[in-house]
Protein backbone atom coordinates (compact mmCIF):
# COMPACT_ATOMS: atom_id res chain seq x y z
CA MET A 1 110.31 130.90 176.40
CA GLU A 2 112.67 129.03 174.09
CA VAL A 3 111.94 125.92 172.05
CA GLU A 4 114.75 123.78 170.69
CA VAL A 5 114.18 120.74 168.47
CA TRP A 6 116.57 117.98 169.53
CA TRP A 7 115.54 115.14 167.28
CA PHE A 8 113.02 114.49 164.53
CA GLU A 9 111.78 111.86 162.15
CA GLN A 10 108.92 111.69 159.69
CA ASP A 11 106.04 111.92 162.20
CA LEU A 12 107.63 112.75 165.56
CA ILE A 13 109.90 115.39 167.09
CA GLU A 14 111.55 115.72 170.47
CA CYS A 15 112.05 119.24 171.71
CA GLN A 16 112.96 121.09 174.86
CA PHE A 17 110.93 124.00 176.19
CA ARG A 18 112.93 126.37 178.41
CA CYS A 19 110.96 128.99 180.31
CA SER A 20 112.09 131.78 182.63
CA ASN A 21 110.61 134.91 184.11
CA GLY A 22 113.97 136.13 185.40
CA ARG A 23 113.39 134.69 188.87
CA PHE A 24 112.21 131.17 188.19
CA SER A 25 113.10 128.90 185.34
CA GLY A 26 112.53 125.37 184.21
CA HIS A 27 112.60 123.10 181.21
CA ALA A 28 110.87 120.01 179.91
CA GLU A 29 111.74 117.58 177.14
CA ILE A 30 108.62 116.77 175.15
CA TYR A 31 107.70 114.43 172.28
CA LEU A 32 105.31 115.99 169.78
CA ASP A 33 103.65 115.14 166.51
CA ARG A 34 105.63 116.80 163.75
CA ASP A 35 102.95 119.44 163.05
CA ASP A 36 102.06 120.35 166.70
CA LEU A 37 104.32 123.44 166.82
CA ALA A 38 103.03 124.71 163.48
CA LYS A 39 99.41 124.23 164.67
CA MET A 40 100.13 126.15 167.87
CA ALA A 41 101.78 128.98 165.91
CA GLU A 42 98.78 129.16 163.57
CA ASP A 43 96.36 129.22 166.54
CA LEU A 44 98.38 132.06 168.10
CA ARG A 45 98.42 134.12 164.90
CA GLY A 46 96.96 137.57 165.52
CA PHE A 47 96.92 137.21 169.30
CA PRO A 48 95.42 139.20 170.92
CA LEU A 49 92.44 140.09 168.77
CA LEU A 50 90.63 141.80 171.67
CA ALA A 51 91.54 142.69 175.25
CA ASP A 52 89.64 139.65 176.57
CA ASP A 53 91.29 137.23 174.11
CA SER A 54 92.91 134.16 175.66
CA ARG A 55 94.32 130.93 174.24
CA GLU A 56 95.16 127.59 175.92
CA PHE A 57 97.64 124.97 174.75
CA GLU A 58 98.88 121.69 176.19
CA LEU A 59 101.71 119.79 174.54
CA GLY A 60 103.33 116.55 175.66
CA THR A 61 101.95 114.76 178.68
CA PHE A 62 101.18 115.43 182.32
CA ASP A 63 100.53 111.73 182.96
CA PRO A 64 103.28 110.41 185.26
CA LYS A 65 102.80 106.92 183.76
CA HIS A 66 104.21 108.18 180.44
CA ALA A 67 107.77 109.10 179.61
CA ASP A 68 108.85 112.66 178.99
CA GLY A 69 107.19 115.88 180.04
CA GLY A 70 104.57 118.39 179.11
CA ILE A 71 103.82 122.08 178.93
CA ARG A 72 100.56 123.96 179.54
CA MET A 73 100.32 127.53 178.36
CA HIS A 74 97.60 130.09 179.03
CA PHE A 75 97.99 133.22 176.88
CA TYR A 76 95.93 136.20 178.02
CA CYS A 77 95.82 140.01 178.20
CA THR A 78 96.81 141.77 181.41
CA ASP A 79 94.80 144.92 180.74
CA SER A 80 92.35 146.65 178.39
CA MET A 81 95.24 147.84 176.19
CA GLY A 82 95.95 144.25 175.09
CA HIS A 83 99.31 143.77 176.82
CA ALA A 84 99.92 140.03 176.59
CA ALA A 85 101.25 137.51 179.09
CA VAL A 86 101.52 133.74 179.35
CA ASP A 87 101.24 131.45 182.37
CA VAL A 88 103.31 128.29 181.91
CA LYS A 89 103.24 124.96 183.74
CA LEU A 90 105.97 122.45 182.99
CA ARG A 91 106.23 118.76 183.82
CA GLY A 92 109.66 117.19 183.60
CA ASP A 93 110.13 113.48 183.00
CA GLY A 94 111.07 112.86 186.64
CA CYS A 95 107.95 114.50 188.14
CA LYS A 96 105.28 112.17 189.44
CA ALA A 97 102.50 114.77 189.55
CA LEU A 98 101.69 118.37 188.64
CA GLY A 99 102.91 120.62 191.41
CA GLU A 100 105.60 118.26 192.62
CA MET A 101 108.69 120.28 193.35
CA GLY A 102 111.73 119.52 191.29
CA SER A 103 115.33 120.00 192.30
CA ARG A 104 118.74 119.12 191.04
CA GLY A 105 121.37 117.86 193.43
């Protein structure tokens, strides 16, 4: 997962989240409050504390009536040793609903 800040002002930033697992990839441009990324980083600090630790985050929007996209992240452990993984759902600006397939022609 990569995050790139494209634009910012006093209270708002626009960034792009790019995610890939080597087989599938996608990106979403998202407007955030200026401190949203810092809050997420603070909430992830020390992850995982225990093997059953999990954390959920949603940034941006999944409402198709609003401009721009969103990202949902579910951080969790894959085993009792605390190996971590994250499930990611992205919504690009052009998507009408979660699960709608996107393509580029």
